[in-house]
Amino acid sequence: MAGLGMTGPAAVLLVGLSFRSAPVPVLEKASAAATDLAALEHDLLDGDCVTEALVLSTCNRMEFYVATTAFHPALDHVVETVADHAGIPATDLEPYLYVRYADKAAEHMLTVASGLDSMVVGEQQVIGQLRNAYHTADDNGTVGSALHELTQRALRTGKRVHTETEVDVAGSSMVSFALGHAVEELGVPDMTGRRALVVGAGAMASLASTWLGRAGVSHVTVANRTLSRAENLADHARQAGVSASAVPLSGIPGVLQDVDLVVSATGAVGTVITGEDVRAAQTVRPHDMVLVDLSMPRDIDDSVVSEEGSGADRADVNIRLLNIEELTTLAGEGTRDEAAARQVVREELDEYLEQVRVQSVVPTVKALRQRASDVIDDELGQLMRRTPGMTDQERAEVTRTVRRVVDKILHTPTVQVKKLSSAGGSVNYAEALAVLFNLPAGSSAPVSRSVEPGDAGLARIGNMITGEAS
């Protein structure tokens, strides 16, 4: 078995941390900007036992998927690479990590793609994030057949869940969830007559702009480091009938005095809005304001809601900050049609695992047939040397007969090993076949593992093989 002294086919290993397992400061350190993903994925590949790598980075999770032929060294390598990237010791990071391997890694990705592991159960945005993660890794040249097959299956599963069930009726994304709470904090039914500032011009900022338009916002200002991208998003808003304008990031302080709601989703490294920015705006026009920070690392400094930072000491002014940490507390576990969604995940997972198990048998079957062919060639060679009087026609007929007999003998076990392996179970028939015929290593399906945050050091997980994920 892979990682247990036998080199087998590549299996998927996941090392991750999310809003469920880690506090926001740790998530922030482990997060990667889009410009850093290529280097990070290539660093993950910088190990003899890792053959593929893909990083899923969202506002509330960082997951590192690799294909590997050896569980333990791959796990150590991934944890050390992530820790180096985060700039913290591996021992400090380990308590917040969860690990999935083989079947459990596949189940997790399908569950994530379906929105069933999100803050807002059933949210759809993660499908696009996973698709983008795959394209990024593909462009970087770090994905192969194992991660390709798994990612495509996960995307198919997510699409089925959102098409065939109503699990996402309560909220389509983290953006709608966050902005819905922001409007509640403003104490108004919708954004009619209100002004908003959207910081960023990516997918989440675009979703926020669309949501605000539907909520009746009177004007939306888009701020971005690259002004042309902000202008492009503002133009889309205007085409949808929403009054909109664009400013560079340096223009944010001048806009804050006029807006009731701020939503920031830049993916930048460093603070975009400070307490001083808000305090200056409140000095010009004291007013209620809600700021929503959907970025990881955070865009908006916590000081925006402190008395020293924002002017929030005024009794007639209410300033609220909703960041990932706050939203995690607010998010509940959705249950609408969740059972139906999980049934879709089970169906797709079973089909995927059957496909993987059948594929995992192929090297063993090839090795068995190659061993048989070598034996045939050796025996026929000896026969020809002992029977110099045989004609070429007689030799050809003997060769055909011997090969036909061996093929018939091997037909049933090779068909059966594929059939039995596809059915799953605790017996590794491919490995049994390899042992019986003394074949080269490389045929057994990996053991499914799941390790949770708080388990003993991940680098010392060699003796920890658990069954079910929580």
Protein backbone atom coordinates (compact mmCIF):
# COMPACT_ATOMS: atom_id res chain seq x y z
CA MET A 1 0.00 0.00 0.00
CA ALA A 2 1.20 3.48 -0.85
CA GLY A 3 3.14 5.02 1.98
CA LEU A 4 3.25 1.73 3.89
CA GLY A 5 6.33 0.27 2.32
CA MET A 6 4.89 -0.36 -1.15
CA THR A 7 4.98 2.10 -4.02
CA GLY A 8 1.57 2.12 -5.69
CA PRO A 9 -0.45 4.25 -8.06
CA ALA A 10 -0.78 7.92 -7.20
CA ALA A 11 -3.55 8.75 -4.74
CA VAL A 12 -4.85 12.15 -3.70
CA LEU A 13 -3.77 13.66 -0.39
CA LEU A 14 -5.49 16.75 1.01
CA VAL A 15 -4.07 18.97 3.73
CA GLY A 16 -6.36 21.86 4.60
CA LEU A 17 -7.53 24.45 7.07
CA SER A 18 -10.78 26.39 7.02
CA PHE A 19 -13.12 28.52 9.11
CA ARG A 20 -14.15 25.29 10.83
CA SER A 21 -10.64 24.33 11.95
CA ALA A 22 -8.60 27.50 12.31
CA PRO A 23 -8.95 31.05 13.68
CA VAL A 24 -8.85 33.88 11.16
CA PRO A 25 -5.26 34.99 12.00
CA VAL A 26 -3.96 31.51 11.12
CA LEU A 27 -6.04 31.42 7.93
CA GLU A 28 -4.64 34.80 6.97
CA LYS A 29 -1.06 33.60 7.34
CA ALA A 30 -1.72 30.46 5.30
CA SER A 31 -3.61 32.27 2.53
CA ALA A 32 -1.96 32.87 -0.83
CA ALA A 33 -2.41 35.75 -3.23
CA ALA A 34 -3.25 34.79 -6.81
CA THR A 35 0.22 35.88 -7.92
CA ASP A 36 1.83 33.48 -5.43
CA LEU A 37 -0.14 30.34 -6.35
CA ALA A 38 2.17 29.22 -9.15
CA ALA A 39 5.24 29.31 -6.90
CA LEU A 40 3.36 27.57 -4.08
CA GLU A 41 2.11 24.78 -6.33
CA HIS A 42 5.59 24.23 -7.77
CA ASP A 43 7.00 24.14 -4.24
CA LEU A 44 4.46 21.44 -3.40
CA LEU A 45 5.77 19.46 -6.38
CA ASP A 46 9.32 19.78 -5.10
CA GLY A 47 9.30 16.34 -3.55
CA ASP A 48 10.04 12.91 -4.99
CA CYS A 49 6.71 11.46 -3.87
CA VAL A 50 4.43 14.30 -5.09
CA THR A 51 3.43 14.17 -8.75
CA GLU A 52 0.59 16.74 -8.95
CA ALA A 53 -0.55 19.77 -6.96
CA LEU A 54 -3.60 22.06 -6.79
CA VAL A 55 -4.39 24.80 -4.26
CA LEU A 56 -7.97 25.86 -3.50
CA SER A 57 -7.88 29.32 -1.95
CA THR A 58 -11.09 31.08 -0.86
CA CYS A 59 -11.99 33.73 1.70
CA ASN A 60 -12.47 31.09 4.39
CA ARG A 61 -10.42 28.03 3.41
CA MET A 62 -7.01 26.98 2.13
CA GLU A 63 -6.79 23.44 0.81
CA PHE A 64 -3.73 21.80 -0.69
CA TYR A 65 -4.39 18.78 -2.90
CA VAL A 66 -1.51 16.65 -4.16
CA ALA A 67 -1.21 13.33 -5.95
CA THR A 68 1.34 11.10 -4.28
CA THR A 69 2.73 7.60 -4.31
CA ALA A 70 3.75 7.67 -0.63
CA PHE A 71 1.46 8.97 2.11
CA HIS A 72 3.82 9.79 4.99
CA PRO A 73 6.64 11.63 3.18
CA ALA A 74 4.08 13.52 1.09
CA LEU A 75 2.22 14.63 4.22
CA ASP A 76 5.40 15.86 5.87
CA HIS A 77 6.43 17.66 2.68
CA VAL A 78 3.06 19.41 2.24
CA VAL A 79 2.84 20.52 5.88
CA GLU A 80 6.40 21.85 5.82
CA THR A 81 5.78 23.68 2.53
CA VAL A 82 2.59 25.29 3.81
CA ALA A 83 4.27 26.26 7.07
CA ASP A 84 7.22 27.81 5.21
CA HIS A 85 4.81 29.77 3.03
CA ALA A 86 2.86 30.95 6.08
CA GLY A 87 6.03 31.88 7.92
CA ILE A 88 5.14 29.90 11.04
CA PRO A 89 6.61 26.69 12.52
CA ALA A 90 4.95 23.49 11.35
CA THR A 91 4.27 22.52 14.97
CA ASP A 92 2.23 25.72 15.41
CA LEU A 93 0.25 25.05 12.23
CA GLU A 94 -0.47 21.36 12.76
CA PRO A 95 -3.23 21.71 15.38
CA TYR A 96 -5.42 23.56 12.85
CA LEU A 97 -4.96 21.20 9.90
CA TYR A 98 -7.18 18.40 8.70
CA VAL A 99 -5.97 15.60 6.44
CA ARG A 100 -7.88 13.48 3.95
CA TYR A 101 -6.37 10.70 1.84
CA ALA A 102 -7.61 8.66 -1.12
CA ASP A 103 -11.37 8.00 -0.76
CA LYS A 104 -11.74 10.60 2.00
CA ALA A 105 -9.94 13.28 -0.03
CA ALA A 106 -12.30 12.62 -2.94
CA GLU A 107 -15.36 12.74 -0.69
CA HIS A 108 -14.20 16.03 0.78
CA MET A 109 -13.67 17.75 -2.57
CA LEU A 110 -17.09 16.63 -3.81
CA THR A 111 -18.68 17.89 -0.59
CA VAL A 112 -16.90 21.24 -0.85
CA ALA A 113 -17.89 21.68 -4.51
CA SER A 114 -21.51 21.06 -3.54
CA GLY A 115 -21.45 23.88 -1.00
CA LEU A 116 -22.06 21.44 1.86
CA ASP A 117 -18.92 22.46 3.75
CA SER A 118 -19.47 26.21 3.36
CA MET A 119 -20.46 28.84 5.92
CA VAL A 120 -23.71 29.16 3.99
CA VAL A 121 -24.74 25.59 3.22
CA GLY A 122 -25.44 25.22 -0.48
CA GLU A 123 -23.64 28.37 -1.66
CA GLN A 124 -22.65 28.19 -5.32
CA GLN A 125 -19.61 30.45 -5.45
CA VAL A 126 -17.24 27.67 -4.42
CA ILE A 127 -17.87 25.86 -7.73
CA GLY A 128 -16.36 28.78 -9.62
CA GLN A 129 -13.51 29.00 -7.12
CA LEU A 130 -12.69 25.31 -7.60
CA ARG A 131 -12.91 25.67 -11.37
CA ASN A 132 -10.52 28.63 -11.24
CA ALA A 133 -8.17 26.69 -8.96
CA TYR A 134 -8.07 23.85 -11.48
CA HIS A 135 -7.40 26.19 -14.41
CA THR A 136 -4.64 27.94 -12.45
CA ALA A 137 -2.94 24.64 -11.60
CA ASP A 138 -3.41 23.42 -15.17
CA ASP A 139 -1.82 26.60 -16.52
CA ASN A 140 1.02 26.09 -14.02
CA GLY A 141 1.51 22.54 -15.30
CA THR A 142 0.98 21.00 -11.85
CA VAL A 143 -2.11 18.83 -12.48
CA GLY A 144 -2.20 15.43 -14.14
CA SER A 145 -4.71 12.64 -14.53
CA ALA A 146 -5.43 12.06 -10.83
CA LEU A 147 -6.35 15.65 -9.92
CA HIS A 148 -7.98 16.21 -13.31
CA GLU A 149 -10.37 13.30 -12.86
CA LEU A 150 -11.17 14.23 -9.26
CA THR A 151 -11.72 17.93 -9.96
CA GLN A 152 -13.94 17.27 -12.96
CA ARG A 153 -15.99 14.82 -10.89
CA ALA A 154 -16.31 17.41 -8.10
CA LEU A 155 -17.45 20.11 -10.52
CA ARG A 156 -19.98 17.71 -12.03
CA THR A 157 -21.23 16.86 -8.54
CA GLY A 158 -21.61 20.51 -7.56
CA LYS A 159 -23.53 21.24 -10.75
CA ARG A 160 -25.88 18.29 -10.11
CA VAL A 161 -26.50 19.38 -6.52
CA HIS A 162 -27.51 22.88 -7.56
CA THR A 163 -29.56 21.65 -10.52
CA GLU A 164 -31.37 18.74 -8.88
CA THR A 165 -31.87 19.98 -5.31
CA GLU A 166 -32.91 23.19 -3.55
CA VAL A 167 -30.11 23.19 -1.01
CA ASP A 168 -29.03 26.68 -2.12
CA VAL A 169 -32.45 28.35 -1.85
CA ALA A 170 -31.48 30.21 1.35
CA GLY A 171 -28.47 31.93 -0.18
CA SER A 172 -26.44 31.51 -3.34
CA SER A 173 -23.12 32.67 -1.96
CA MET A 174 -21.14 34.05 0.92
CA VAL A 175 -21.59 37.48 -0.65
CA SER A 176 -25.39 37.41 -0.44
CA PHE A 177 -25.22 36.04 3.10
CA ALA A 178 -22.85 38.78 4.23
CA LEU A 179 -24.64 41.63 2.49
CA GLY A 180 -28.00 40.43 3.76
CA HIS A 181 -26.68 40.73 7.30
CA ALA A 182 -25.16 44.12 6.50
CA VAL A 183 -28.56 45.49 5.43
CA GLU A 184 -30.06 44.12 8.63
CA GLU A 185 -27.37 45.96 10.60
CA LEU A 186 -28.32 49.19 8.81
CA GLY A 187 -31.86 48.65 10.02
CA VAL A 188 -33.43 49.04 6.57
CA PRO A 189 -35.43 46.60 4.41
CA ASP A 190 -33.17 47.08 1.35
CA MET A 191 -30.64 49.47 -0.16
CA THR A 192 -33.16 51.85 -1.73
CA GLY A 193 -31.82 55.39 -1.47
CA ARG A 194 -28.52 54.15 -0.02
CA ARG A 195 -25.00 54.44 -1.42
CA ALA A 196 -22.34 51.74 -1.35
CA LEU A 197 -18.62 51.33 -1.96
CA VAL A 198 -17.27 48.10 -3.47
CA VAL A 199 -13.51 47.64 -3.10
CA GLY A 200 -12.04 45.20 -5.60
CA ALA A 201 -12.96 44.16 -9.13
CA GLY A 202 -12.80 40.37 -9.03
CA ALA A 203 -15.52 37.73 -8.88
CA MET A 204 -16.66 38.49 -5.33
CA ALA A 205 -16.71 42.24 -5.95
CA SER A 206 -18.75 41.65 -9.10
CA LEU A 207 -21.23 39.52 -7.14
CA ALA A 208 -21.47 42.25 -4.51
CA SER A 209 -22.15 44.90 -7.16
CA THR A 210 -24.88 42.75 -8.71
CA TRP A 211 -26.46 42.04 -5.31
CA LEU A 212 -26.47 45.73 -4.40
CA GLY A 213 -28.10 46.62 -7.70
CA ARG A 214 -30.88 44.15 -7.09
CA ALA A 215 -31.28 45.50 -3.56
CA GLY A 216 -32.04 48.94 -4.97
CA VAL A 217 -28.81 50.82 -4.21
CA SER A 218 -28.97 54.41 -5.45
CA HIS A 219 -25.27 54.59 -6.36
CA VAL A 220 -22.30 52.25 -6.16
CA THR A 221 -18.67 53.33 -6.29
CA VAL A 222 -16.08 50.76 -7.32
CA ALA A 223 -12.51 51.18 -6.10
CA ASN A 224 -9.61 49.08 -7.31
CA ARG A 225 -5.83 49.21 -7.53
CA THR A 226 -6.14 49.08 -11.34
CA LEU A 227 -8.59 51.84 -12.23
CA SER A 228 -9.49 50.35 -15.62
CA ARG A 229 -10.86 47.22 -13.92
CA ALA A 230 -12.90 49.35 -11.53
CA GLU A 231 -14.28 51.30 -14.49
CA ASN A 232 -15.16 48.07 -16.25
CA LEU A 233 -17.17 46.81 -13.25
CA ALA A 234 -18.86 50.20 -12.86
CA ASP A 235 -19.78 50.12 -16.55
CA HIS A 236 -21.41 46.70 -16.09
CA ALA A 237 -23.43 48.15 -13.21
CA ARG A 238 -24.57 51.08 -15.34
CA GLN A 239 -25.62 48.70 -18.11
CA ALA A 240 -27.78 46.95 -15.51
CA GLY A 241 -29.45 50.27 -14.68
CA VAL A 242 -27.46 51.11 -11.54
CA SER A 243 -25.79 54.50 -11.09
CA ALA A 244 -22.07 53.78 -10.69
CA SER A 245 -18.63 55.37 -10.73
CA ALA A 246 -15.02 54.22 -10.35
CA VAL A 247 -12.04 55.45 -8.32
CA PRO A 248 -8.53 54.15 -7.59
CA LEU A 249 -7.76 52.86 -4.09
CA SER A 250 -6.34 56.27 -3.22
CA GLY A 251 -9.82 57.69 -3.74
CA ILE A 252 -11.44 55.61 -0.99
CA PRO A 253 -11.10 58.22 1.84
CA GLY A 254 -13.02 60.73 -0.24
CA VAL A 255 -15.86 58.28 -0.86
CA LEU A 256 -16.38 56.96 2.69
CA GLN A 257 -18.17 60.11 3.89
CA ASP A 258 -20.98 59.48 1.37
CA VAL A 259 -21.60 55.72 1.66
CA ASP A 260 -23.69 53.65 4.04
CA LEU A 261 -22.25 50.26 3.14
CA VAL A 262 -18.73 49.17 2.25
CA VAL A 263 -17.86 45.70 0.94
CA SER A 264 -14.21 44.87 0.33
CA ALA A 265 -12.92 41.81 -1.52
CA THR A 266 -9.54 42.57 -3.04
CA GLY A 267 -7.31 39.62 -2.21
CA ALA A 268 -4.62 42.18 -1.52
CA VAL A 269 -1.92 41.76 1.10
CA GLY A 270 -2.25 44.61 3.56
CA THR A 271 -4.89 46.97 4.89
CA VAL A 272 -7.02 48.86 2.38
CA ILE A 273 -9.28 50.80 4.79
CA THR A 274 -7.97 52.05 8.13
CA GLY A 275 -9.56 53.44 11.25
CA GLU A 276 -8.18 56.86 10.32
CA ASP A 277 -9.99 56.70 6.97
CA VAL A 278 -13.30 56.06 8.71
CA ARG A 279 -12.66 58.66 11.41
CA ALA A 280 -11.97 61.32 8.79
CA ALA A 281 -15.19 60.42 6.95
CA GLN A 282 -17.21 60.55 10.17
CA THR A 283 -15.76 63.95 10.96
CA VAL A 284 -17.13 65.32 7.69
CA ARG A 285 -20.51 63.56 7.96
CA PRO A 286 -21.34 61.48 11.04
CA HIS A 287 -23.55 58.59 9.90
CA ASP A 288 -24.28 54.90 10.42
CA MET A 289 -22.02 52.66 8.39
CA VAL A 290 -21.55 48.91 7.93
CA LEU A 291 -18.28 47.57 6.53
CA VAL A 292 -18.10 44.02 5.15
CA ASP A 293 -14.65 42.46 4.73
CA LEU A 294 -14.71 39.34 2.56
CA SER A 295 -10.95 39.20 2.02
CA MET A 296 -8.30 36.87 3.35
CA PRO A 297 -6.00 38.42 4.53
CA ARG A 298 -8.31 41.13 5.81
CA ASP A 299 -8.68 44.42 3.91
CA ILE A 300 -10.28 46.46 6.70
CA ASP A 301 -8.46 47.18 9.94
CA ASP A 302 -10.26 46.30 13.17
CA SER A 303 -9.68 49.86 14.38
CA VAL A 304 -12.55 51.10 12.18
CA VAL A 305 -14.91 50.12 15.01
CA SER A 306 -12.79 51.30 17.93
CA GLU A 307 -13.53 54.61 19.61
CA GLU A 308 -10.06 55.88 18.80
CA GLY A 309 -10.20 54.76 15.19
CA SER A 310 -13.61 55.69 13.88
CA GLY A 311 -15.50 58.17 15.98
CA ALA A 312 -17.83 55.37 17.03
CA ASP A 313 -18.03 56.88 20.49
CA ARG A 314 -20.85 59.12 19.26
CA ALA A 315 -24.16 57.91 20.68
CA ASP A 316 -25.99 58.70 17.44
CA VAL A 317 -23.55 56.79 15.18
CA ASN A 318 -23.40 53.03 14.72
CA ILE A 319 -20.42 51.59 12.88
CA ARG A 320 -20.25 47.83 12.35
CA LEU A 321 -17.57 45.63 10.86
CA LEU A 322 -18.49 42.21 9.50
CA ASN A 323 -15.37 40.20 8.66
CA ILE A 324 -14.85 36.49 8.09
CA GLU A 325 -14.53 35.85 11.83
CA GLU A 326 -17.83 37.63 12.55
CA LEU A 327 -19.60 35.99 9.62
CA THR A 328 -18.46 32.56 10.79
CA THR A 329 -20.30 33.17 14.04
CA LEU A 330 -23.42 34.38 12.24
CA ALA A 331 -23.54 31.54 9.72
CA GLY A 332 -25.79 28.66 10.66
CA GLU A 333 -25.98 25.12 9.41
CA GLY A 334 -28.51 25.10 6.59
CA THR A 335 -30.68 22.02 6.25
CA ARG A 336 -32.97 22.84 3.33
CA ASP A 337 -32.83 19.81 1.02
CA GLU A 338 -29.40 18.97 2.42
CA ALA A 339 -30.19 15.25 2.57
CA ALA A 340 -30.96 15.19 -1.15
CA ALA A 341 -27.72 17.04 -1.88
CA ARG A 342 -25.67 14.57 0.17
CA GLN A 343 -27.33 11.70 -1.70
CA VAL A 344 -26.08 13.20 -4.97
CA VAL A 345 -22.59 13.40 -3.46
CA ARG A 346 -22.77 9.74 -2.43
CA GLU A 347 -23.86 8.66 -5.90
CA GLU A 348 -21.10 10.58 -7.64
CA LEU A 349 -18.50 9.45 -5.07
CA ASP A 350 -19.44 5.78 -5.49
CA GLU A 351 -19.18 6.07 -9.27
CA TYR A 352 -15.86 7.88 -9.05
CA LEU A 353 -14.35 5.38 -6.58
CA GLU A 354 -15.47 2.46 -8.73
CA GLN A 355 -13.71 4.05 -11.67
CA VAL A 356 -10.55 4.65 -9.60
CA ARG A 357 -10.51 1.09 -8.28
CA VAL A 358 -10.83 -0.39 -11.74
CA GLN A 359 -8.03 1.84 -12.98
CA SER A 360 -5.86 0.87 -10.00
CA VAL A 361 -6.01 -2.78 -11.09
CA VAL A 362 -4.69 -2.06 -14.58
CA PRO A 363 -0.97 -2.01 -13.60
CA THR A 364 -1.36 -5.36 -11.83
CA VAL A 365 -3.12 -6.95 -14.80
CA LYS A 366 -0.48 -5.60 -17.17
CA ALA A 367 2.28 -6.88 -14.90
CA LEU A 368 0.64 -10.32 -14.70
CA ARG A 369 0.29 -10.58 -18.48
CA GLN A 370 3.85 -9.36 -18.95
CA ARG A 371 5.08 -12.00 -16.49
CA ALA A 372 3.13 -14.67 -18.40
CA SER A 373 4.54 -13.42 -21.72
CA ASP A 374 8.09 -13.56 -20.36
CA VAL A 375 7.57 -17.14 -19.14
CA ILE A 376 6.12 -18.14 -22.52
CA ASP A 377 9.04 -16.61 -24.40
CA ASP A 378 11.54 -18.33 -22.12
CA GLU A 379 9.88 -21.74 -22.41
CA LEU A 380 9.38 -21.48 -26.17
CA GLY A 381 13.02 -20.48 -26.55
CA GLN A 382 14.12 -23.61 -24.70
CA LEU A 383 11.70 -25.75 -26.74
CA MET A 384 13.06 -24.44 -30.03
CA ARG A 385 16.62 -25.15 -28.96
CA ARG A 386 15.69 -28.74 -28.04
CA THR A 387 13.73 -29.38 -31.27
CA PRO A 388 15.86 -28.22 -34.17
CA GLY A 389 13.88 -30.41 -36.53
CA MET A 390 10.63 -28.46 -36.19
CA THR A 391 9.49 -26.51 -39.22
CA ASP A 392 8.65 -22.80 -39.02
CA GLN A 393 4.97 -23.66 -39.47
CA GLU A 394 5.10 -26.12 -36.55
CA ARG A 395 6.89 -23.59 -34.36
CA ALA A 396 4.27 -20.94 -35.15
CA GLU A 397 1.45 -23.34 -34.34
CA VAL A 398 3.02 -24.32 -31.01
CA THR A 399 3.54 -20.65 -30.13
CA ARG A 400 -0.10 -19.81 -30.92
CA THR A 401 -1.33 -22.75 -28.89
CA VAL A 402 0.76 -21.96 -25.82
CA ARG A 403 -0.25 -18.30 -25.87
CA ARG A 404 -3.94 -19.22 -26.34
CA VAL A 405 -3.81 -21.60 -23.37
CA VAL A 406 -2.16 -18.98 -21.11
CA ASP A 407 -4.65 -16.31 -22.22
CA LYS A 408 -7.57 -18.57 -21.35
CA ILE A 409 -6.09 -19.38 -17.94
CA LEU A 410 -5.51 -15.68 -17.16
CA HIS A 411 -8.83 -14.45 -18.52
CA THR A 412 -10.99 -15.37 -15.52
CA PRO A 413 -8.70 -14.04 -12.75
CA THR A 414 -8.10 -10.75 -14.59
CA VAL A 415 -11.81 -10.21 -15.23
CA GLN A 416 -12.66 -11.16 -11.65
CA VAL A 417 -10.03 -8.92 -10.07
CA LYS A 418 -11.47 -5.94 -11.96
CA LYS A 419 -15.01 -6.86 -10.98
CA LEU A 420 -14.20 -7.49 -7.32
CA SER A 421 -12.06 -4.33 -7.06
CA SER A 422 -14.83 -2.16 -8.50
CA ALA A 423 -17.16 -3.39 -5.77
CA GLY A 424 -14.87 -2.03 -3.05
CA GLY A 425 -14.70 -3.76 0.31
CA SER A 426 -11.86 -4.39 2.71
CA VAL A 427 -9.96 -6.86 0.51
CA ASN A 428 -7.40 -5.45 -1.92
CA TYR A 429 -7.68 -8.01 -4.70
CA ALA A 430 -5.10 -6.31 -6.88
CA GLU A 431 -2.53 -6.53 -4.09
CA ALA A 432 -3.48 -10.16 -3.45
CA LEU A 433 -2.91 -10.95 -7.12
CA ALA A 434 0.44 -9.16 -7.03
CA VAL A 435 1.52 -11.13 -3.96
CA LEU A 436 0.35 -14.51 -5.34
CA PHE A 437 2.27 -14.07 -8.59
CA ASN A 438 5.19 -12.14 -7.04
CA LEU A 439 4.56 -9.18 -9.33
CA PRO A 440 6.29 -5.80 -9.14
CA ALA A 441 4.82 -3.40 -6.59
CA GLY A 442 2.29 -0.89 -7.84
CA SER A 443 -1.25 -2.16 -7.87
CA SER A 444 -3.05 -1.73 -4.57
CA ALA A 445 -5.65 0.94 -3.88
CA PRO A 446 -4.54 3.29 -1.09
CA VAL A 447 -6.04 3.14 2.37
CA SER A 448 -8.58 5.86 3.14
CA ARG A 449 -7.46 8.13 5.96
CA SER A 450 -8.93 11.10 7.74
CA VAL A 451 -7.13 13.10 10.40
CA GLU A 452 -8.69 16.05 12.20
CA PRO A 453 -7.30 19.24 13.76
CA GLY A 454 -6.02 18.62 17.24
CA ASP A 455 -4.77 15.10 16.48
CA ALA A 456 -1.18 14.43 17.52
CA GLY A 457 1.50 16.04 15.34
CA LEU A 458 0.79 15.45 11.66
CA ALA A 459 4.44 14.81 10.94
CA ARG A 460 4.18 11.93 13.41
CA ILE A 461 0.94 10.58 12.05
CA GLY A 462 2.48 7.30 10.92
CA ASN A 463 0.62 5.30 13.53
CA MET A 464 -2.65 7.18 13.16
CA ILE A 465 -4.90 5.60 10.57
CA THR A 466 -8.48 6.52 11.36
CA GLY A 467 -11.63 5.44 9.62
CA GLU A 468 -14.39 7.97 9.16
CA ALA A 469 -14.18 11.73 8.85
CA SER A 470 -16.20 13.75 11.27
